[in-house]
Amino acid sequence: MRVRVAGLFLKNSSVLLVEHSKVGRSYWLLPGGGIRIGESTTTALMREVKEELNIDAVVSELLFVVETLSKDGTHIIQPTFIIKINNFDNIKVGRDKRVISYKLFNIDEIGQITIYPDIARELVDFIKYKRVKKRYICKKWVE
């Protein structure tokens, strides 16, 4: 089992996602990543955002937790927090080699891309209503 912490950043009703490239495929994720031994979820999230986007993030409230099983059978738990980024214009791809780009996606665009785990509906609901319907979400890893 893996724990992956993620951050949801909204700007002008658009959500920030990072594009990962792995084994010749690309897909989108909320910024974040794995938690190291002895590291808190918030510390891990701040570190991961810095590694992926070369920017400091402030971690706010826990939004929801996603539980999923990847195609290879890896069990993943993803606590997802709201994050704030004060110097958004300074974002650039950081030193994480898997991250190839980032983009703000609006409601109409979110349904057109591959997001892991498949939380497109939850992201759209949060953008529209500024709240979540469920705090715990069980999802299949869509391939």
N, C-alpha and C. Protein backbone atom coordinates (compact mmCIF):
# COMPACT_ATOMS: atom_id res chain seq x y z
N MET A 1 0.85 -1.18 0.00
CA MET A 1 0.00 0.00 0.00
C MET A 1 0.89 1.24 0.00
N ARG A 2 0.46 2.24 -0.73
CA ARG A 2 1.15 3.52 -0.81
C ARG A 2 0.24 4.64 -0.36
N VAL A 3 0.81 5.64 0.26
CA VAL A 3 0.07 6.86 0.58
C VAL A 3 0.65 7.97 -0.29
N ARG A 4 -0.22 8.60 -1.05
CA ARG A 4 0.16 9.73 -1.90
C ARG A 4 -0.65 10.93 -1.46
N VAL A 5 0.00 11.99 -1.05
CA VAL A 5 -0.68 13.19 -0.62
C VAL A 5 -0.81 14.13 -1.82
N ALA A 6 -1.94 14.86 -1.91
CA ALA A 6 -2.18 15.73 -3.05
C ALA A 6 -2.73 17.08 -2.60
N GLY A 7 -2.49 18.09 -3.45
CA GLY A 7 -2.97 19.43 -3.15
C GLY A 7 -3.85 19.98 -4.25
N LEU A 8 -4.95 20.57 -3.86
CA LEU A 8 -5.87 21.18 -4.82
C LEU A 8 -5.73 22.69 -4.71
N PHE A 9 -5.30 23.29 -5.81
CA PHE A 9 -5.14 24.74 -5.89
C PHE A 9 -6.10 25.27 -6.95
N LEU A 10 -6.93 26.24 -6.57
CA LEU A 10 -7.86 26.87 -7.51
C LEU A 10 -7.43 28.30 -7.79
N LYS A 11 -7.53 28.66 -9.06
CA LYS A 11 -7.31 30.05 -9.47
C LYS A 11 -8.35 30.38 -10.53
N ASN A 12 -9.17 31.38 -10.25
CA ASN A 12 -10.21 31.81 -11.19
C ASN A 12 -11.06 30.63 -11.68
N SER A 13 -11.52 29.81 -10.77
CA SER A 13 -12.37 28.64 -11.06
C SER A 13 -11.69 27.61 -11.96
N SER A 14 -10.38 27.55 -11.90
CA SER A 14 -9.63 26.52 -12.61
C SER A 14 -8.73 25.81 -11.60
N VAL A 15 -8.49 24.52 -11.84
CA VAL A 15 -7.69 23.71 -10.94
C VAL A 15 -6.32 23.45 -11.55
N LEU A 16 -5.29 23.51 -10.72
CA LEU A 16 -3.92 23.27 -11.16
C LEU A 16 -3.62 21.77 -11.17
N LEU A 17 -3.17 21.27 -12.31
CA LEU A 17 -2.76 19.87 -12.43
C LEU A 17 -1.35 19.82 -13.00
N VAL A 18 -0.63 18.75 -12.67
CA VAL A 18 0.70 18.53 -13.23
C VAL A 18 0.64 17.34 -14.16
N GLU A 19 1.38 17.42 -15.25
CA GLU A 19 1.42 16.33 -16.23
C GLU A 19 2.65 15.46 -15.94
N HIS A 20 2.38 14.18 -15.75
CA HIS A 20 3.46 13.21 -15.54
C HIS A 20 3.64 12.40 -16.82
N SER A 21 4.87 12.04 -17.09
CA SER A 21 5.19 11.14 -18.19
C SER A 21 5.93 9.95 -17.59
N LYS A 22 5.41 8.77 -17.89
CA LYS A 22 5.99 7.55 -17.32
C LYS A 22 5.79 6.42 -18.32
N VAL A 23 6.85 5.73 -18.64
CA VAL A 23 6.83 4.58 -19.56
C VAL A 23 6.14 4.97 -20.88
N GLY A 24 6.47 6.14 -21.40
CA GLY A 24 5.94 6.57 -22.68
C GLY A 24 4.50 7.04 -22.67
N ARG A 25 3.88 7.18 -21.50
CA ARG A 25 2.50 7.66 -21.39
C ARG A 25 2.48 8.92 -20.55
N SER A 26 1.51 9.78 -20.82
CA SER A 26 1.36 10.97 -19.97
C SER A 26 -0.06 11.02 -19.43
N TYR A 27 -0.18 11.62 -18.27
CA TYR A 27 -1.46 11.75 -17.58
C TYR A 27 -1.35 12.91 -16.61
N TRP A 28 -2.48 13.32 -16.04
CA TRP A 28 -2.54 14.47 -15.16
C TRP A 28 -2.84 14.05 -13.73
N LEU A 29 -2.27 14.77 -12.79
CA LEU A 29 -2.47 14.54 -11.36
C LEU A 29 -2.56 15.88 -10.65
N LEU A 30 -3.17 15.86 -9.48
CA LEU A 30 -3.01 17.00 -8.59
C LEU A 30 -1.56 17.00 -8.14
N PRO A 31 -0.96 18.16 -7.91
CA PRO A 31 0.41 18.17 -7.41
C PRO A 31 0.50 17.38 -6.10
N GLY A 32 1.59 16.67 -5.93
CA GLY A 32 1.77 15.89 -4.70
C GLY A 32 2.63 14.68 -4.96
N GLY A 33 2.62 13.77 -4.01
CA GLY A 33 3.41 12.56 -4.17
C GLY A 33 3.51 11.78 -2.88
N GLY A 34 4.48 10.89 -2.83
CA GLY A 34 4.63 9.97 -1.71
C GLY A 34 5.13 10.62 -0.44
N ILE A 35 4.77 10.00 0.67
CA ILE A 35 5.18 10.46 1.99
C ILE A 35 6.37 9.62 2.44
N ARG A 36 7.42 10.30 2.88
CA ARG A 36 8.60 9.60 3.38
C ARG A 36 8.40 9.18 4.83
N ILE A 37 9.15 8.17 5.25
CA ILE A 37 9.07 7.70 6.63
C ILE A 37 9.37 8.86 7.58
N GLY A 38 8.51 9.03 8.57
CA GLY A 38 8.68 10.08 9.56
C GLY A 38 8.17 11.45 9.14
N GLU A 39 7.62 11.56 7.93
CA GLU A 39 7.16 12.84 7.40
C GLU A 39 5.65 12.96 7.58
N SER A 40 5.17 14.13 7.96
CA SER A 40 3.73 14.34 8.06
C SER A 40 3.15 14.55 6.66
N THR A 41 1.84 14.42 6.54
CA THR A 41 1.21 14.63 5.23
C THR A 41 1.42 16.06 4.75
N THR A 42 1.32 17.04 5.64
CA THR A 42 1.47 18.43 5.21
C THR A 42 2.90 18.75 4.81
N THR A 43 3.87 18.22 5.56
CA THR A 43 5.28 18.43 5.20
C THR A 43 5.58 17.77 3.86
N ALA A 44 5.07 16.57 3.65
CA ALA A 44 5.27 15.86 2.38
C ALA A 44 4.66 16.65 1.22
N LEU A 45 3.48 17.19 1.43
CA LEU A 45 2.83 17.94 0.36
C LEU A 45 3.61 19.20 0.01
N MET A 46 4.08 19.92 1.01
CA MET A 46 4.87 21.12 0.73
C MET A 46 6.16 20.75 -0.02
N ARG A 47 6.82 19.65 0.38
CA ARG A 47 8.03 19.20 -0.29
C ARG A 47 7.74 18.81 -1.74
N GLU A 48 6.68 18.04 -1.95
CA GLU A 48 6.33 17.58 -3.30
C GLU A 48 5.97 18.73 -4.23
N VAL A 49 5.22 19.70 -3.75
CA VAL A 49 4.88 20.86 -4.58
C VAL A 49 6.16 21.60 -4.97
N LYS A 50 7.07 21.73 -4.03
CA LYS A 50 8.35 22.39 -4.32
C LYS A 50 9.14 21.61 -5.37
N GLU A 51 9.18 20.28 -5.25
CA GLU A 51 9.90 19.45 -6.21
C GLU A 51 9.27 19.49 -7.59
N GLU A 52 7.94 19.50 -7.66
CA GLU A 52 7.26 19.45 -8.95
C GLU A 52 7.14 20.81 -9.64
N LEU A 53 6.91 21.87 -8.83
CA LEU A 53 6.59 23.17 -9.42
C LEU A 53 7.52 24.30 -8.97
N ASN A 54 8.54 23.97 -8.21
CA ASN A 54 9.54 24.94 -7.78
C ASN A 54 8.92 26.15 -7.10
N ILE A 55 7.92 25.89 -6.26
CA ILE A 55 7.19 26.98 -5.58
C ILE A 55 6.80 26.51 -4.19
N ASP A 56 6.65 27.45 -3.27
CA ASP A 56 6.22 27.11 -1.91
C ASP A 56 4.70 27.13 -1.85
N ALA A 57 4.14 26.14 -1.17
CA ALA A 57 2.70 26.05 -0.99
C ALA A 57 2.37 26.10 0.50
N VAL A 58 1.21 26.64 0.81
CA VAL A 58 0.69 26.63 2.17
C VAL A 58 -0.45 25.62 2.18
N VAL A 59 -0.37 24.64 3.07
CA VAL A 59 -1.39 23.59 3.13
C VAL A 59 -2.51 24.05 4.05
N SER A 60 -3.73 23.91 3.56
CA SER A 60 -4.92 24.32 4.30
C SER A 60 -5.70 23.07 4.73
N GLU A 61 -6.99 23.10 4.63
CA GLU A 61 -7.83 22.02 5.16
C GLU A 61 -7.82 20.75 4.31
N LEU A 62 -8.08 19.63 4.99
CA LEU A 62 -8.25 18.35 4.30
C LEU A 62 -9.57 18.40 3.55
N LEU A 63 -9.54 18.13 2.26
CA LEU A 63 -10.73 18.20 1.43
C LEU A 63 -11.43 16.84 1.35
N PHE A 64 -10.68 15.81 0.92
CA PHE A 64 -11.22 14.46 0.86
C PHE A 64 -10.08 13.45 0.81
N VAL A 65 -10.44 12.19 0.97
CA VAL A 65 -9.48 11.09 0.86
C VAL A 65 -9.97 10.17 -0.24
N VAL A 66 -9.06 9.84 -1.17
CA VAL A 66 -9.38 8.94 -2.27
C VAL A 66 -8.66 7.63 -2.04
N GLU A 67 -9.38 6.53 -2.14
CA GLU A 67 -8.78 5.20 -2.06
C GLU A 67 -8.96 4.55 -3.42
N THR A 68 -7.87 3.97 -3.94
CA THR A 68 -7.93 3.38 -5.27
C THR A 68 -6.96 2.22 -5.39
N LEU A 69 -7.20 1.39 -6.38
CA LEU A 69 -6.32 0.28 -6.71
C LEU A 69 -5.81 0.51 -8.12
N SER A 70 -4.49 0.60 -8.28
CA SER A 70 -3.94 0.85 -9.61
C SER A 70 -4.01 -0.43 -10.45
N LYS A 71 -3.74 -0.28 -11.72
CA LYS A 71 -3.81 -1.40 -12.66
C LYS A 71 -2.91 -2.56 -12.24
N ASP A 72 -1.74 -2.22 -11.65
CA ASP A 72 -0.81 -3.28 -11.23
C ASP A 72 -1.14 -3.84 -9.85
N GLY A 73 -2.25 -3.40 -9.26
CA GLY A 73 -2.69 -3.92 -7.97
C GLY A 73 -2.21 -3.13 -6.76
N THR A 74 -1.51 -2.02 -6.98
CA THR A 74 -1.06 -1.20 -5.86
C THR A 74 -2.25 -0.49 -5.22
N HIS A 75 -2.37 -0.63 -3.93
CA HIS A 75 -3.42 0.02 -3.16
C HIS A 75 -2.92 1.41 -2.79
N ILE A 76 -3.66 2.45 -3.18
CA ILE A 76 -3.23 3.82 -2.96
C ILE A 76 -4.27 4.58 -2.14
N ILE A 77 -3.81 5.25 -1.10
CA ILE A 77 -4.63 6.15 -0.30
C ILE A 77 -4.12 7.56 -0.57
N GLN A 78 -5.02 8.47 -0.94
CA GLN A 78 -4.61 9.85 -1.28
C GLN A 78 -5.39 10.87 -0.47
N PRO A 79 -4.83 11.34 0.66
CA PRO A 79 -5.46 12.49 1.31
C PRO A 79 -5.21 13.72 0.44
N THR A 80 -6.26 14.50 0.22
CA THR A 80 -6.19 15.65 -0.67
C THR A 80 -6.53 16.91 0.12
N PHE A 81 -5.61 17.84 0.13
CA PHE A 81 -5.75 19.08 0.88
C PHE A 81 -5.92 20.25 -0.07
N ILE A 82 -6.58 21.30 0.40
CA ILE A 82 -6.59 22.57 -0.32
C ILE A 82 -5.23 23.21 -0.06
N ILE A 83 -4.62 23.75 -1.11
CA ILE A 83 -3.35 24.46 -0.94
C ILE A 83 -3.47 25.88 -1.47
N LYS A 84 -2.63 26.74 -0.92
CA LYS A 84 -2.53 28.12 -1.40
C LYS A 84 -1.13 28.33 -1.94
N ILE A 85 -1.03 29.05 -3.04
CA ILE A 85 0.26 29.38 -3.64
C ILE A 85 0.26 30.90 -3.82
N ASN A 86 1.15 31.56 -3.10
CA ASN A 86 1.16 33.03 -3.11
C ASN A 86 1.79 33.63 -4.36
N ASN A 87 2.80 33.00 -4.91
CA ASN A 87 3.50 33.55 -6.07
C ASN A 87 3.24 32.68 -7.30
N PHE A 88 1.99 32.52 -7.67
CA PHE A 88 1.63 31.61 -8.76
C PHE A 88 2.40 31.91 -10.05
N ASP A 89 2.64 33.17 -10.34
CA ASP A 89 3.33 33.53 -11.58
C ASP A 89 4.78 33.03 -11.62
N ASN A 90 5.30 32.59 -10.49
CA ASN A 90 6.68 32.08 -10.42
C ASN A 90 6.77 30.57 -10.60
N ILE A 91 5.65 29.91 -10.81
CA ILE A 91 5.67 28.45 -10.98
C ILE A 91 6.45 28.08 -12.24
N LYS A 92 7.22 27.02 -12.11
CA LYS A 92 7.88 26.42 -13.28
C LYS A 92 8.13 24.96 -12.94
N VAL A 93 8.28 24.14 -13.95
CA VAL A 93 8.53 22.71 -13.73
C VAL A 93 9.80 22.60 -12.89
N GLY A 94 9.70 21.81 -11.82
CA GLY A 94 10.81 21.65 -10.90
C GLY A 94 11.72 20.50 -11.27
N ARG A 95 12.33 19.89 -10.25
CA ARG A 95 13.35 18.87 -10.50
C ARG A 95 12.81 17.45 -10.57
N ASP A 96 11.51 17.25 -10.34
CA ASP A 96 10.92 15.91 -10.46
C ASP A 96 10.90 15.54 -11.94
N LYS A 97 11.64 14.53 -12.33
CA LYS A 97 11.82 14.15 -13.75
C LYS A 97 10.53 13.66 -14.41
N ARG A 98 9.58 13.16 -13.62
CA ARG A 98 8.32 12.68 -14.19
C ARG A 98 7.40 13.82 -14.62
N VAL A 99 7.55 14.98 -14.00
CA VAL A 99 6.68 16.12 -14.30
C VAL A 99 7.21 16.83 -15.55
N ILE A 100 6.35 16.88 -16.58
CA ILE A 100 6.78 17.52 -17.83
C ILE A 100 6.08 18.85 -18.08
N SER A 101 4.96 19.09 -17.40
CA SER A 101 4.29 20.38 -17.54
C SER A 101 3.24 20.54 -16.44
N TYR A 102 2.59 21.68 -16.44
CA TYR A 102 1.49 21.97 -15.53
C TYR A 102 0.52 22.87 -16.26
N LYS A 103 -0.72 22.90 -15.78
CA LYS A 103 -1.73 23.73 -16.43
C LYS A 103 -2.91 23.94 -15.50
N LEU A 104 -3.56 25.07 -15.64
CA LEU A 104 -4.83 25.32 -14.97
C LEU A 104 -5.94 24.84 -15.90
N PHE A 105 -6.82 23.98 -15.39
CA PHE A 105 -7.92 23.44 -16.19
C PHE A 105 -9.24 23.98 -15.66
N ASN A 106 -10.11 24.43 -16.59
CA ASN A 106 -11.43 24.86 -16.18
C ASN A 106 -12.39 23.67 -16.22
N ILE A 107 -13.61 23.88 -15.82
CA ILE A 107 -14.62 22.81 -15.72
C ILE A 107 -14.77 22.06 -17.04
N ASP A 108 -14.83 22.76 -18.14
CA ASP A 108 -15.05 22.11 -19.44
C ASP A 108 -13.86 21.25 -19.85
N GLU A 109 -12.67 21.63 -19.47
CA GLU A 109 -11.47 20.90 -19.88
C GLU A 109 -11.21 19.64 -19.04
N ILE A 110 -11.64 19.65 -17.79
CA ILE A 110 -11.34 18.54 -16.88
C ILE A 110 -11.86 17.21 -17.41
N GLY A 111 -13.03 17.20 -17.99
CA GLY A 111 -13.61 15.97 -18.52
C GLY A 111 -12.92 15.44 -19.77
N GLN A 112 -12.03 16.22 -20.35
CA GLN A 112 -11.37 15.83 -21.60
C GLN A 112 -9.98 15.22 -21.41
N ILE A 113 -9.52 15.12 -20.16
CA ILE A 113 -8.16 14.65 -19.91
C ILE A 113 -8.17 13.41 -19.02
N THR A 114 -7.05 12.70 -18.98
CA THR A 114 -6.88 11.55 -18.10
C THR A 114 -6.28 12.04 -16.79
N ILE A 115 -7.04 11.85 -15.70
CA ILE A 115 -6.60 12.24 -14.36
C ILE A 115 -6.52 10.98 -13.51
N TYR A 116 -5.43 10.83 -12.78
CA TYR A 116 -5.28 9.71 -11.84
C TYR A 116 -5.24 10.23 -10.42
N PRO A 117 -5.95 9.63 -9.49
CA PRO A 117 -7.08 8.75 -9.75
C PRO A 117 -8.19 9.54 -10.43
N ASP A 118 -9.21 8.87 -10.91
CA ASP A 118 -10.26 9.50 -11.69
C ASP A 118 -11.19 10.32 -10.77
N ILE A 119 -10.76 11.54 -10.48
CA ILE A 119 -11.54 12.41 -9.60
C ILE A 119 -12.09 13.63 -10.35
N ALA A 120 -12.24 13.50 -11.65
CA ALA A 120 -12.72 14.62 -12.46
C ALA A 120 -14.07 15.14 -11.95
N ARG A 121 -15.00 14.26 -11.66
CA ARG A 121 -16.33 14.68 -11.19
C ARG A 121 -16.22 15.44 -9.87
N GLU A 122 -15.37 14.95 -8.97
CA GLU A 122 -15.20 15.61 -7.68
C GLU A 122 -14.55 16.99 -7.84
N LEU A 123 -13.62 17.11 -8.77
CA LEU A 123 -12.99 18.40 -9.03
C LEU A 123 -14.00 19.40 -9.59
N VAL A 124 -14.80 18.95 -10.54
CA VAL A 124 -15.83 19.82 -11.12
C VAL A 124 -16.82 20.26 -10.05
N ASP A 125 -17.27 19.33 -9.21
CA ASP A 125 -18.20 19.69 -8.13
C ASP A 125 -17.59 20.72 -7.19
N PHE A 126 -16.30 20.55 -6.86
CA PHE A 126 -15.67 21.51 -5.96
C PHE A 126 -15.54 22.88 -6.61
N ILE A 127 -15.19 22.91 -7.88
CA ILE A 127 -15.10 24.20 -8.58
C ILE A 127 -16.46 24.89 -8.60
N LYS A 128 -17.51 24.14 -8.89
CA LYS A 128 -18.86 24.72 -8.98
C LYS A 128 -19.41 25.17 -7.63
N TYR A 129 -19.29 24.29 -6.63
CA TYR A 129 -20.00 24.51 -5.37
C TYR A 129 -19.10 24.88 -4.19
N LYS A 130 -17.77 24.85 -4.39
CA LYS A 130 -16.80 25.16 -3.33
C LYS A 130 -16.96 24.27 -2.09
N ARG A 131 -17.44 23.07 -2.33
CA ARG A 131 -17.57 22.06 -1.27
C ARG A 131 -17.54 20.70 -1.92
N VAL A 132 -17.36 19.67 -1.11
CA VAL A 132 -17.36 18.30 -1.63
C VAL A 132 -18.60 17.58 -1.13
N LYS A 133 -19.05 16.61 -1.92
CA LYS A 133 -20.21 15.82 -1.52
C LYS A 133 -19.83 14.73 -0.54
N LYS A 134 -18.62 14.16 -0.72
CA LYS A 134 -18.14 13.10 0.15
C LYS A 134 -16.70 13.37 0.55
N ARG A 135 -16.37 13.01 1.78
CA ARG A 135 -14.99 13.16 2.26
C ARG A 135 -14.15 11.92 1.95
N TYR A 136 -14.83 10.77 1.78
CA TYR A 136 -14.13 9.54 1.42
C TYR A 136 -14.64 9.09 0.06
N ILE A 137 -13.71 8.83 -0.87
CA ILE A 137 -14.07 8.47 -2.24
C ILE A 137 -13.30 7.22 -2.61
N CYS A 138 -14.01 6.19 -3.06
CA CYS A 138 -13.36 4.96 -3.52
C CYS A 138 -13.49 4.94 -5.04
N LYS A 139 -12.36 4.86 -5.72
CA LYS A 139 -12.34 4.95 -7.18
C LYS A 139 -11.50 3.85 -7.79
N LYS A 140 -11.87 3.44 -8.98
CA LYS A 140 -11.01 2.56 -9.76
C LYS A 140 -9.99 3.41 -10.49
N TRP A 141 -8.80 2.89 -10.69
CA TRP A 141 -7.75 3.56 -11.44
C TRP A 141 -8.06 3.34 -12.91
N VAL A 142 -8.44 4.37 -13.64
CA VAL A 142 -8.86 4.24 -15.02
C VAL A 142 -7.63 4.19 -15.93
N GLU A 143 -7.57 3.19 -16.79
CA GLU A 143 -6.46 3.07 -17.76
C GLU A 143 -6.99 3.26 -19.16
